[in-house]
PDB file of N, CA and C in Angstrom:
ATOM      1  N   UNK A   1      -4.809  14.650  -7.796  1.00  0.00           N
ATOM      2  CA  UNK A   1      -4.388  14.142  -9.086  1.00  0.00           C
ATOM      3  C   UNK A   1      -2.900  14.390  -9.323  1.00  0.00           C
ATOM      4  N   UNK A   2      -2.448  15.570  -8.954  1.00  0.00           N
ATOM      5  CA  UNK A   2      -1.049  15.901  -9.211  1.00  0.00           C
ATOM      6  C   UNK A   2      -0.085  15.071  -8.370  1.00  0.00           C
ATOM      7  N   UNK A   3      -0.540  14.528  -7.280  1.00  0.00           N
ATOM      8  CA  UNK A   3       0.317  13.672  -6.451  1.00  0.00           C
ATOM      9  C   UNK A   3       0.289  12.227  -6.941  1.00  0.00           C
ATOM     10  N   UNK A   4      -0.486  11.943  -7.981  1.00  0.00           N
ATOM     11  CA  UNK A   4      -0.593  10.577  -8.495  1.00  0.00           C
ATOM     12  C   UNK A   4       0.714  10.018  -9.027  1.00  0.00           C
ATOM     13  N   UNK A   5       1.494  10.838  -9.690  1.00  0.00           N
ATOM     14  CA  UNK A   5       2.765  10.361 -10.251  1.00  0.00           C
ATOM     15  C   UNK A   5       3.758   9.955  -9.181  1.00  0.00           C
ATOM     16  N   UNK A   6       3.946  10.830  -8.197  1.00  0.00           N
ATOM     17  CA  UNK A   6       4.880  10.520  -7.112  1.00  0.00           C
ATOM     18  C   UNK A   6       4.374   9.315  -6.313  1.00  0.00           C
ATOM     19  N   UNK A   7       3.050   9.233  -6.142  1.00  0.00           N
ATOM     20  CA  UNK A   7       2.476   8.097  -5.412  1.00  0.00           C
ATOM     21  C   UNK A   7       2.691   6.794  -6.184  1.00  0.00           C
ATOM     22  N   UNK A   8       2.530   6.842  -7.514  1.00  0.00           N
ATOM     23  CA  UNK A   8       2.742   5.640  -8.326  1.00  0.00           C
ATOM     24  C   UNK A   8       4.185   5.171  -8.236  1.00  0.00           C
ATOM     25  N   UNK A   9       5.133   6.102  -8.281  1.00  0.00           N
ATOM     26  CA  UNK A   9       6.545   5.722  -8.145  1.00  0.00           C
ATOM     27  C   UNK A   9       6.789   5.060  -6.798  1.00  0.00           C
ATOM     28  N   UNK A  10       6.257   5.648  -5.748  1.00  0.00           N
ATOM     29  CA  UNK A  10       6.415   5.073  -4.411  1.00  0.00           C
ATOM     30  C   UNK A  10       5.714   3.719  -4.303  1.00  0.00           C
ATOM     31  N   UNK A  11       4.517   3.614  -4.875  1.00  0.00           N
ATOM     32  CA  UNK A  11       3.726   2.391  -4.800  1.00  0.00           C
ATOM     33  C   UNK A  11       4.449   1.227  -5.489  1.00  0.00           C
ATOM     34  N   UNK A  12       4.952   1.472  -6.684  1.00  0.00           N
ATOM     35  CA  UNK A  12       5.562   0.394  -7.450  1.00  0.00           C
ATOM     36  C   UNK A  12       7.053   0.207  -7.179  1.00  0.00           C
ATOM     37  N   UNK A  13       7.762   1.289  -6.846  1.00  0.00           N
ATOM     38  CA  UNK A  13       9.222   1.209  -6.706  1.00  0.00           C
ATOM     39  C   UNK A  13       9.741   1.554  -5.315  1.00  0.00           C
ATOM     40  N   UNK A  14       8.851   1.924  -4.405  1.00  0.00           N
ATOM     41  CA  UNK A  14       9.176   2.257  -3.017  1.00  0.00           C
ATOM     42  C   UNK A  14       9.991   3.544  -2.858  1.00  0.00           C
ATOM     43  N   UNK A  15      10.233   4.239  -3.944  1.00  0.00           N
ATOM     44  CA  UNK A  15      10.956   5.501  -3.906  1.00  0.00           C
ATOM     45  C   UNK A  15      10.458   6.354  -5.076  1.00  0.00           C
ATOM     46  N   UNK A  16      10.877   7.584  -5.108  1.00  0.00           N
ATOM     47  CA  UNK A  16      10.525   8.431  -6.238  1.00  0.00           C
ATOM     48  C   UNK A  16      11.710   9.302  -6.605  1.00  0.00           C
ATOM     49  N   UNK A  17      11.700   9.789  -7.827  1.00  0.00           N
ATOM     50  CA  UNK A  17      12.748  10.676  -8.304  1.00  0.00           C
ATOM     51  C   UNK A  17      12.324  12.107  -7.997  1.00  0.00           C
ATOM     52  N   UNK A  18      13.042  12.790  -7.126  1.00  0.00           N
ATOM     53  CA  UNK A  18      12.623  14.140  -6.696  1.00  0.00           C
ATOM     54  C   UNK A  18      12.470  15.135  -7.844  1.00  0.00           C
ATOM     55  N   UNK A  19      13.303  15.049  -8.854  1.00  0.00           N
ATOM     56  CA  UNK A  19      13.216  15.999  -9.972  1.00  0.00           C
ATOM     57  C   UNK A  19      12.008  15.719 -10.858  1.00  0.00           C
ATOM     58  N   UNK A  20      11.586  14.465 -10.901  1.00  0.00           N
ATOM     59  CA  UNK A  20      10.482  14.092 -11.788  1.00  0.00           C
ATOM     60  C   UNK A  20       9.158  14.736 -11.374  1.00  0.00           C
ATOM     61  N   UNK A  21       8.990  15.024 -10.104  1.00  0.00           N
ATOM     62  CA  UNK A  21       7.723  15.602  -9.638  1.00  0.00           C
ATOM     63  C   UNK A  21       7.791  17.127  -9.513  1.00  0.00           C
ATOM     64  N   UNK A  22       8.855  17.724  -9.974  1.00  0.00           N
ATOM     65  CA  UNK A  22       9.035  19.173  -9.841  1.00  0.00           C
ATOM     66  C   UNK A  22       7.896  19.964 -10.491  1.00  0.00           C
ATOM     67  N   UNK A  23       7.496  19.578 -11.706  1.00  0.00           N
ATOM     68  CA  UNK A  23       6.438  20.318 -12.402  1.00  0.00           C
ATOM     69  C   UNK A  23       5.099  20.158 -11.677  1.00  0.00           C
ATOM     70  N   UNK A  24       4.798  18.932 -11.223  1.00  0.00           N
ATOM     71  CA  UNK A  24       3.556  18.723 -10.467  1.00  0.00           C
ATOM     72  C   UNK A  24       3.560  19.563  -9.194  1.00  0.00           C
ATOM     73  N   UNK A  25       4.700  19.594  -8.521  1.00  0.00           N
ATOM     74  CA  UNK A  25       4.828  20.378  -7.298  1.00  0.00           C
ATOM     75  C   UNK A  25       4.605  21.867  -7.586  1.00  0.00           C
ATOM     76  N   UNK A  26       5.142  22.350  -8.712  1.00  0.00           N
ATOM     77  CA  UNK A  26       4.975  23.758  -9.092  1.00  0.00           C
ATOM     78  C   UNK A  26       3.504  24.071  -9.392  1.00  0.00           C
ATOM     79  N   UNK A  27       2.799  23.120 -10.042  1.00  0.00           N
ATOM     80  CA  UNK A  27       1.380  23.355 -10.332  1.00  0.00           C
ATOM     81  C   UNK A  27       0.555  23.388  -9.048  1.00  0.00           C
ATOM     82  N   UNK A  28       0.927  22.567  -8.083  1.00  0.00           N
ATOM     83  CA  UNK A  28       0.238  22.576  -6.783  1.00  0.00           C
ATOM     84  C   UNK A  28       0.458  23.911  -6.093  1.00  0.00           C
ATOM     85  N   UNK A  29       1.707  24.395  -6.104  1.00  0.00           N
ATOM     86  CA  UNK A  29       2.026  25.681  -5.472  1.00  0.00           C
ATOM     87  C   UNK A  29       1.291  26.827  -6.154  1.00  0.00           C
ATOM     88  N   UNK A  30       1.150  26.727  -7.480  1.00  0.00           N
ATOM     89  CA  UNK A  30       0.489  27.791  -8.245  1.00  0.00           C
ATOM     90  C   UNK A  30      -0.969  27.985  -7.821  1.00  0.00           C
ATOM     91  N   UNK A  31      -1.616  26.925  -7.371  1.00  0.00           N
ATOM     92  CA  UNK A  31      -3.011  27.060  -6.933  1.00  0.00           C
ATOM     93  C   UNK A  31      -3.121  27.177  -5.414  1.00  0.00           C
ATOM     94  N   UNK A  32      -1.978  27.438  -4.776  1.00  0.00           N
ATOM     95  CA  UNK A  32      -1.983  27.707  -3.345  1.00  0.00           C
ATOM     96  C   UNK A  32      -1.835  26.481  -2.457  1.00  0.00           C
ATOM     97  N   UNK A  33      -1.446  25.363  -3.041  1.00  0.00           N
ATOM     98  CA  UNK A  33      -1.281  24.140  -2.257  1.00  0.00           C
ATOM     99  C   UNK A  33       0.068  24.070  -1.564  1.00  0.00           C
ATOM    100  N   UNK A  34       0.190  23.077  -0.728  1.00  0.00           N
ATOM    101  CA  UNK A  34       1.451  22.855  -0.016  1.00  0.00           C
ATOM    102  C   UNK A  34       2.359  21.946  -0.843  1.00  0.00           C
ATOM    103  N   UNK A  35       3.456  21.522  -0.274  1.00  0.00           N
ATOM    104  CA  UNK A  35       4.402  20.636  -0.941  1.00  0.00           C
ATOM    105  C   UNK A  35       3.709  19.348  -1.378  1.00  0.00           C
ATOM    106  N   UNK A  36       4.134  18.788  -2.491  1.00  0.00           N
ATOM    107  CA  UNK A  36       3.525  17.580  -3.033  1.00  0.00           C
ATOM    108  C   UNK A  36       3.577  16.415  -2.033  1.00  0.00           C
ATOM    109  N   UNK A  37       4.627  16.371  -1.220  1.00  0.00           N
ATOM    110  CA  UNK A  37       4.751  15.301  -0.227  1.00  0.00           C
ATOM    111  C   UNK A  37       3.614  15.333   0.797  1.00  0.00           C
ATOM    112  N   UNK A  38       3.004  16.504   0.980  1.00  0.00           N
ATOM    113  CA  UNK A  38       1.877  16.648   1.898  1.00  0.00           C
ATOM    114  C   UNK A  38       0.704  15.772   1.449  1.00  0.00           C
ATOM    115  N   UNK A  39       0.538  15.624   0.151  1.00  0.00           N
ATOM    116  CA  UNK A  39      -0.585  14.894  -0.417  1.00  0.00           C
ATOM    117  C   UNK A  39      -0.267  13.421  -0.681  1.00  0.00           C
ATOM    118  N   UNK A  40       0.991  13.066  -0.501  1.00  0.00           N
ATOM    119  CA  UNK A  40       1.436  11.705  -0.789  1.00  0.00           C
ATOM    120  C   UNK A  40       0.722  10.631   0.035  1.00  0.00           C
ATOM    121  N   UNK A  41       0.555  10.789   1.352  1.00  0.00           N
ATOM    122  CA  UNK A  41      -0.129   9.737   2.121  1.00  0.00           C
ATOM    123  C   UNK A  41      -1.543   9.447   1.621  1.00  0.00           C
ATOM    124  N   UNK A  42      -2.295  10.490   1.293  1.00  0.00           N
ATOM    125  CA  UNK A  42      -3.661  10.273   0.808  1.00  0.00           C
ATOM    126  C   UNK A  42      -3.651   9.586  -0.562  1.00  0.00           C
ATOM    127  N   UNK A  43      -2.748  10.021  -1.444  1.00  0.00           N
ATOM    128  CA  UNK A  43      -2.656   9.413  -2.774  1.00  0.00           C
ATOM    129  C   UNK A  43      -2.243   7.943  -2.667  1.00  0.00           C
ATOM    130  N   UNK A  44      -1.290   7.651  -1.791  1.00  0.00           N
ATOM    131  CA  UNK A  44      -0.883   6.251  -1.579  1.00  0.00           C
ATOM    132  C   UNK A  44      -2.017   5.432  -0.984  1.00  0.00           C
ATOM    133  N   UNK A  45      -2.808   6.043  -0.116  1.00  0.00           N
ATOM    134  CA  UNK A  45      -3.953   5.356   0.466  1.00  0.00           C
ATOM    135  C   UNK A  45      -4.952   4.944  -0.604  1.00  0.00           C
ATOM    136  N   UNK A  46      -5.214   5.840  -1.542  1.00  0.00           N
ATOM    137  CA  UNK A  46      -6.132   5.531  -2.646  1.00  0.00           C
ATOM    138  C   UNK A  46      -5.568   4.378  -3.479  1.00  0.00           C
ATOM    139  N   UNK A  47      -4.275   4.419  -3.730  1.00  0.00           N
ATOM    140  CA  UNK A  47      -3.653   3.357  -4.522  1.00  0.00           C
ATOM    141  C   UNK A  47      -3.689   2.025  -3.773  1.00  0.00           C
ATOM    142  N   UNK A  48      -3.449   2.052  -2.485  1.00  0.00           N
ATOM    143  CA  UNK A  48      -3.467   0.811  -1.710  1.00  0.00           C
ATOM    144  C   UNK A  48      -4.852   0.180  -1.670  1.00  0.00           C
ATOM    145  N   UNK A  49      -5.892   1.003  -1.581  1.00  0.00           N
ATOM    146  CA  UNK A  49      -7.256   0.481  -1.592  1.00  0.00           C
ATOM    147  C   UNK A  49      -7.541  -0.221  -2.922  1.00  0.00           C
ATOM    148  N   UNK A  50      -6.927   0.267  -3.985  1.00  0.00           N
ATOM    149  CA  UNK A  50      -7.163  -0.268  -5.334  1.00  0.00           C
ATOM    150  C   UNK A  50      -5.980  -1.066  -5.867  1.00  0.00           C
ATOM    151  N   UNK A  51      -5.128  -1.581  -4.994  1.00  0.00           N
ATOM    152  CA  UNK A  51      -3.871  -2.176  -5.460  1.00  0.00           C
ATOM    153  C   UNK A  51      -4.060  -3.358  -6.409  1.00  0.00           C
ATOM    154  N   UNK A  52      -5.039  -4.208  -6.175  1.00  0.00           N
ATOM    155  CA  UNK A  52      -5.257  -5.343  -7.083  1.00  0.00           C
ATOM    156  C   UNK A  52      -5.645  -4.854  -8.471  1.00  0.00           C
ATOM    157  N   UNK A  53      -6.520  -3.876  -8.506  1.00  0.00           N
ATOM    158  CA  UNK A  53      -6.941  -3.336  -9.798  1.00  0.00           C
ATOM    159  C   UNK A  53      -5.804  -2.595 -10.494  1.00  0.00           C
ATOM    160  N   UNK A  54      -4.998  -1.863  -9.733  1.00  0.00           N
ATOM    161  CA  UNK A  54      -3.871  -1.143 -10.329  1.00  0.00           C
ATOM    162  C   UNK A  54      -2.861  -2.113 -10.920  1.00  0.00           C
ATOM    163  N   UNK A  55      -2.558  -3.158 -10.178  1.00  0.00           N
ATOM    164  CA  UNK A  55      -1.613  -4.155 -10.700  1.00  0.00           C
ATOM    165  C   UNK A  55      -2.192  -4.834 -11.941  1.00  0.00           C
ATOM    166  N   UNK A  56      -3.498  -5.083 -11.942  1.00  0.00           N
ATOM    167  CA  UNK A  56      -4.143  -5.658 -13.114  1.00  0.00           C
ATOM    168  C   UNK A  56      -4.090  -4.728 -14.311  1.00  0.00           C
ATOM    169  N   UNK A  57      -4.299  -3.440 -14.055  1.00  0.00           N
ATOM    170  CA  UNK A  57      -4.238  -2.439 -15.117  1.00  0.00           C
ATOM    171  C   UNK A  57      -2.836  -2.388 -15.721  1.00  0.00           C
ATOM    172  N   UNK A  58      -1.816  -2.356 -14.877  1.00  0.00           N
ATOM    173  CA  UNK A  58      -0.434  -2.319 -15.365  1.00  0.00           C
ATOM    174  C   UNK A  58      -0.127  -3.582 -16.163  1.00  0.00           C
ATOM    175  N   UNK A  59      -0.590  -4.735 -15.653  1.00  0.00           N
ATOM    176  CA  UNK A  59      -0.349  -5.997 -16.359  1.00  0.00           C
ATOM    177  C   UNK A  59      -0.987  -5.961 -17.747  1.00  0.00           C
ATOM    178  N   UNK A  60      -2.231  -5.506 -17.832  1.00  0.00           N
ATOM    179  CA  UNK A  60      -2.925  -5.446 -19.119  1.00  0.00           C
ATOM    180  C   UNK A  60      -2.225  -4.476 -20.076  1.00  0.00           C
ATOM    181  N   UNK A  61      -1.757  -3.353 -19.556  1.00  0.00           N
ATOM    182  CA  UNK A  61      -1.051  -2.398 -20.413  1.00  0.00           C
ATOM    183  C   UNK A  61       0.283  -2.962 -20.892  1.00  0.00           C
ATOM    184  N   UNK A  62       0.972  -3.696 -20.021  1.00  0.00           N
ATOM    185  CA  UNK A  62       2.237  -4.329 -20.421  1.00  0.00           C
ATOM    186  C   UNK A  62       1.983  -5.395 -21.492  1.00  0.00           C
ATOM    187  N   UNK A  63       0.932  -6.184 -21.326  1.00  0.00           N
ATOM    188  CA  UNK A  63       0.588  -7.193 -22.335  1.00  0.00           C
ATOM    189  C   UNK A  63       0.289  -6.525 -23.668  1.00  0.00           C
ATOM    190  N   UNK A  64      -0.423  -5.432 -23.600  1.00  0.00           N
ATOM    191  CA  UNK A  64      -0.761  -4.692 -24.821  1.00  0.00           C
ATOM    192  C   UNK A  64       0.495  -4.195 -25.516  1.00  0.00           C
ATOM    193  N   UNK A  65       1.457  -3.695 -24.735  1.00  0.00           N
ATOM    194  CA  UNK A  65       2.715  -3.218 -25.299  1.00  0.00           C
ATOM    195  C   UNK A  65       3.493  -4.382 -25.917  1.00  0.00           C
ATOM    196  N   UNK A  66       3.544  -5.511 -25.212  1.00  0.00           N
ATOM    197  CA  UNK A  66       4.252  -6.678 -25.743  1.00  0.00           C
ATOM    198  C   UNK A  66       3.594  -7.187 -27.024  1.00  0.00           C
ATOM    199  N   UNK A  67       2.263  -7.166 -27.075  1.00  0.00           N
ATOM    200  CA  UNK A  67       1.557  -7.565 -28.293  1.00  0.00           C
ATOM    201  C   UNK A  67       1.934  -6.662 -29.449  1.00  0.00           C
ATOM    202  N   UNK A  68       2.007  -5.360 -29.171  1.00  0.00           N
ATOM    203  CA  UNK A  68       2.352  -4.411 -30.224  1.00  0.00           C
ATOM    204  C   UNK A  68       3.793  -4.624 -30.687  1.00  0.00           C
ATOM    205  N   UNK A  69       4.690  -4.860 -29.755  1.00  0.00           N
ATOM    206  CA  UNK A  69       6.082  -5.147 -30.121  1.00  0.00           C
ATOM    207  C   UNK A  69       6.163  -6.428 -30.933  1.00  0.00           C
ATOM    208  N   UNK A  70       5.489  -7.476 -30.460  1.00  0.00           N
ATOM    209  CA  UNK A  70       5.546  -8.774 -31.120  1.00  0.00           C
ATOM    210  C   UNK A  70       4.955  -8.743 -32.507  1.00  0.00           C
ATOM    211  N   UNK A  71       3.855  -8.041 -32.669  1.00  0.00           N
ATOM    212  CA  UNK A  71       3.202  -7.984 -33.974  1.00  0.00           C
ATOM    213  C   UNK A  71       4.127  -7.344 -35.007  1.00  0.00           C
ATOM    214  N   UNK A  72       4.801  -6.288 -34.623  1.00  0.00           N
ATOM    215  CA  UNK A  72       5.716  -5.615 -35.540  1.00  0.00           C
ATOM    216  C   UNK A  72       6.950  -6.429 -35.847  1.00  0.00           C
ATOM    217  N   UNK A  73       7.372  -7.266 -34.899  1.00  0.00           N
ATOM    218  CA  UNK A  73       8.615  -7.992 -35.089  1.00  0.00           C
ATOM    219  C   UNK A  73       8.471  -9.152 -36.051  1.00  0.00           C
ATOM    220  N   UNK A  74       7.232  -9.623 -36.277  1.00  0.00           N
ATOM    221  CA  UNK A  74       7.059 -10.781 -37.139  1.00  0.00           C
ATOM    222  C   UNK A  74       6.425 -10.428 -38.486  1.00  0.00           C
ATOM    223  N   UNK A  75       6.148  -9.155 -38.705  1.00  0.00           N
ATOM    224  CA  UNK A  75       5.615  -8.740 -40.004  1.00  0.00           C
ATOM    225  C   UNK A  75       6.642  -9.022 -41.088  1.00  0.00           C
ATOM    226  N   UNK A  76       6.226  -9.700 -42.125  1.00  0.00           N
ATOM    227  CA  UNK A  76       7.077  -9.985 -43.287  1.00  0.00           C
ATOM    228  C   UNK A  76       8.410 -10.605 -42.882  1.00  0.00           C
ATOM    229  N   UNK A  77       8.381 -11.475 -41.874  1.00  0.00           N
ATOM    230  CA  UNK A  77       9.603 -12.178 -41.477  1.00  0.00           C
ATOM    231  C   UNK A  77      10.607 -11.302 -40.755  1.00  0.00           C
ATOM    232  N   UNK A  78      10.172 -10.198 -40.245  1.00  0.00           N
ATOM    233  CA  UNK A  78      11.078  -9.291 -39.552  1.00  0.00           C
ATOM    234  C   UNK A  78      11.614  -9.891 -38.270  1.00  0.00           C
ATOM    235  N   UNK A  79      12.610  -9.267 -37.725  1.00  0.00           N
ATOM    236  CA  UNK A  79      13.220  -9.707 -36.467  1.00  0.00           C
ATOM    237  C   UNK A  79      12.985  -8.632 -35.422  1.00  0.00           C
ATOM    238  N   UNK A  80      13.013  -9.034 -34.161  1.00  0.00           N
ATOM    239  CA  UNK A  80      12.774  -8.093 -33.078  1.00  0.00           C
ATOM    240  C   UNK A  80      13.738  -6.914 -33.145  1.00  0.00           C
ATOM    241  N   UNK A  81      14.980  -7.184 -33.524  1.00  0.00           N
ATOM    242  CA  UNK A  81      15.984  -6.108 -33.578  1.00  0.00           C
ATOM    243  C   UNK A  81      15.636  -5.058 -34.628  1.00  0.00           C
ATOM    244  N   UNK A  82      14.928  -5.479 -35.695  1.00  0.00           N
ATOM    245  CA  UNK A  82      14.626  -4.539 -36.770  1.00  0.00           C
ATOM    246  C   UNK A  82      13.174  -4.078 -36.738  1.00  0.00           C
ATOM    247  N   UNK A  83      12.415  -4.570 -35.771  1.00  0.00           N
ATOM    248  CA  UNK A  83      11.002  -4.195 -35.687  1.00  0.00           C
ATOM    249  C   UNK A  83      10.867  -2.728 -35.315  1.00  0.00           C
ATOM    250  N   UNK A  84       9.778  -2.141 -35.745  1.00  0.00           N
ATOM    251  CA  UNK A  84       9.498  -0.773 -35.336  1.00  0.00           C
ATOM    252  C   UNK A  84       9.168  -0.745 -33.851  1.00  0.00           C
ATOM    253  N   UNK A  85       9.441   0.353 -33.230  1.00  0.00           N
ATOM    254  CA  UNK A  85       9.119   0.499 -31.814  1.00  0.00           C
ATOM    255  C   UNK A  85       7.613   0.627 -31.641  1.00  0.00           C
ATOM    256  N   UNK A  86       7.099   0.249 -30.474  1.00  0.00           N
ATOM    257  CA  UNK A  86       5.654   0.416 -30.258  1.00  0.00           C
ATOM    258  C   UNK A  86       5.278   1.886 -30.379  1.00  0.00           C
ATOM    259  N   UNK A  87       4.034   2.123 -30.750  1.00  0.00           N
ATOM    260  CA  UNK A  87       3.594   3.497 -30.983  1.00  0.00           C
ATOM    261  C   UNK A  87       3.462   4.291 -29.691  1.00  0.00           C
ATOM    262  N   UNK A  88       3.113   3.604 -28.603  1.00  0.00           N
ATOM    263  CA  UNK A  88       2.863   4.254 -27.316  1.00  0.00           C
ATOM    264  C   UNK A  88       1.826   5.365 -27.455  1.00  0.00           C
ATOM    265  N   UNK A  89       0.877   5.159 -28.390  1.00  0.00           N
ATOM    266  CA  UNK A  89      -0.225   6.114 -28.520  1.00  0.00           C
ATOM    267  C   UNK A  89      -0.975   6.170 -27.204  1.00  0.00           C
ATOM    268  N   UNK A  90      -1.432   7.345 -26.850  1.00  0.00           N
ATOM    269  CA  UNK A  90      -2.230   7.487 -25.645  1.00  0.00           C
ATOM    270  C   UNK A  90      -3.555   6.772 -25.833  1.00  0.00           C
ATOM    271  N   UNK A  91      -4.004   6.131 -24.788  1.00  0.00           N
ATOM    272  CA  UNK A  91      -5.295   5.461 -24.843  1.00  0.00           C
ATOM    273  C   UNK A  91      -6.402   6.474 -24.619  1.00  0.00           C
ATOM    274  N   UNK A  92      -7.506   6.247 -25.270  1.00  0.00           N
ATOM    275  CA  UNK A  92      -8.672   7.082 -25.040  1.00  0.00           C
ATOM    276  C   UNK A  92      -9.234   6.780 -23.665  1.00  0.00           C
ATOM    277  N   UNK A  93      -9.913   7.737 -23.092  1.00  0.00           N
ATOM    278  CA  UNK A  93     -10.514   7.564 -21.775  1.00  0.00           C
ATOM    279  C   UNK A  93     -11.413   6.342 -21.739  1.00  0.00           C
ATOM    280  N   UNK A  94     -12.193   6.114 -22.801  1.00  0.00           N
ATOM    281  CA  UNK A  94     -13.077   4.947 -22.853  1.00  0.00           C
ATOM    282  C   UNK A  94     -12.287   3.640 -22.785  1.00  0.00           C
ATOM    283  N   UNK A  95     -11.113   3.609 -23.451  1.00  0.00           N
ATOM    284  CA  UNK A  95     -10.267   2.413 -23.417  1.00  0.00           C
ATOM    285  C   UNK A  95      -9.757   2.151 -22.000  1.00  0.00           C
ATOM    286  N   UNK A  96      -9.311   3.199 -21.333  1.00  0.00           N
ATOM    287  CA  UNK A  96      -8.805   3.054 -19.968  1.00  0.00           C
ATOM    288  C   UNK A  96      -9.928   2.608 -19.041  1.00  0.00           C
ATOM    289  N   UNK A  97     -11.107   3.204 -19.186  1.00  0.00           N
ATOM    290  CA  UNK A  97     -12.249   2.821 -18.355  1.00  0.00           C
ATOM    291  C   UNK A  97     -12.617   1.356 -18.580  1.00  0.00           C
ATOM    292  N   UNK A  98     -12.554   0.907 -19.816  1.00  0.00           N
ATOM    293  CA  UNK A  98     -12.873  -0.483 -20.130  1.00  0.00           C
ATOM    294  C   UNK A  98     -11.872  -1.430 -19.465  1.00  0.00           C
ATOM    295  N   UNK A  99     -10.600  -1.110 -19.574  1.00  0.00           N
ATOM    296  CA  UNK A  99      -9.571  -1.944 -18.936  1.00  0.00           C
ATOM    297  C   UNK A  99      -9.764  -1.927 -17.429  1.00  0.00           C
ATOM    298  N   UNK A 100     -10.069  -0.776 -16.862  1.00  0.00           N
ATOM    299  CA  UNK A 100     -10.277  -0.658 -15.408  1.00  0.00           C
ATOM    300  C   UNK A 100     -11.455  -1.530 -14.963  1.00  0.00           C
ATOM    301  N   UNK A 101     -12.539  -1.489 -15.743  1.00  0.00           N
ATOM    302  CA  UNK A 101     -13.700  -2.325 -15.412  1.00  0.00           C
ATOM    303  C   UNK A 101     -13.331  -3.806 -15.472  1.00  0.00           C
ATOM    304  N   UNK A 102     -12.544  -4.197 -16.458  1.00  0.00           N
ATOM    305  CA  UNK A 102     -12.110  -5.597 -16.575  1.00  0.00           C
ATOM    306  C   UNK A 102     -11.304  -6.024 -15.350  1.00  0.00           C
ATOM    307  N   UNK A 103     -10.447  -5.154 -14.864  1.00  0.00           N
ATOM    308  CA  UNK A 103      -9.641  -5.519 -13.699  1.00  0.00           C
ATOM    309  C   UNK A 103     -10.506  -5.666 -12.463  1.00  0.00           C
ATOM    310  N   UNK A 104     -11.597  -4.906 -12.394  1.00  0.00           N
ATOM    311  CA  UNK A 104     -12.516  -5.011 -11.260  1.00  0.00           C
ATOM    312  C   UNK A 104     -13.265  -6.319 -11.253  1.00  0.00           C
ATOM    313  N   UNK A 105     -13.582  -6.840 -12.433  1.00  0.00           N
ATOM    314  CA  UNK A 105     -14.317  -8.100 -12.489  1.00  0.00           C
ATOM    315  C   UNK A 105     -13.411  -9.286 -12.246  1.00  0.00           C
ATOM    316  N   UNK A 106     -12.101  -9.119 -12.453  1.00  0.00           N
ATOM    317  CA  UNK A 106     -11.158 -10.221 -12.246  1.00  0.00           C
ATOM    318  C   UNK A 106     -10.634 -10.283 -10.824  1.00  0.00           C
ATOM    319  N   UNK A 107     -10.605  -9.164 -10.148  1.00  0.00           N
ATOM    320  CA  UNK A 107     -10.023  -9.087  -8.803  1.00  0.00           C
ATOM    321  C   UNK A 107     -11.074  -8.581  -7.836  1.00  0.00           C
ATOM    322  N   UNK A 108     -11.670  -9.477  -7.115  1.00  0.00           N
ATOM    323  CA  UNK A 108     -12.681  -9.081  -6.130  1.00  0.00           C
ATOM    324  C   UNK A 108     -11.987  -8.662  -4.853  1.00  0.00           C
ATOM    325  N   UNK A 109     -12.400  -7.511  -4.309  1.00  0.00           N
ATOM    326  CA  UNK A 109     -11.767  -7.020  -3.086  1.00  0.00           C
ATOM    327  C   UNK A 109     -12.632  -7.325  -1.905  1.00  0.00           C
TER     328      UNK A 109
END
């Protein structure tokens, strides 16, 4: 799980920010694990097996963010420049599971 962030950066951007994974790396070391890069191939493998679903999940989350931005920008004749920023509230586990299931039904592997 802790290698998921670095794997996601590599999966989507082909590189990762070394400082960004410092805390995850420290948590791995705290429980006696090796360097986070040791776990990267397995984490990337999991992502590659699920790549269609992951891309679908990201697309759905981006659409949701755009909907939230758009809804705020047109309230009472508002403009995008003056709209409130999206809330970026964390999704509940049930919401994420529902979106994940939807991506599975749309993308057959």
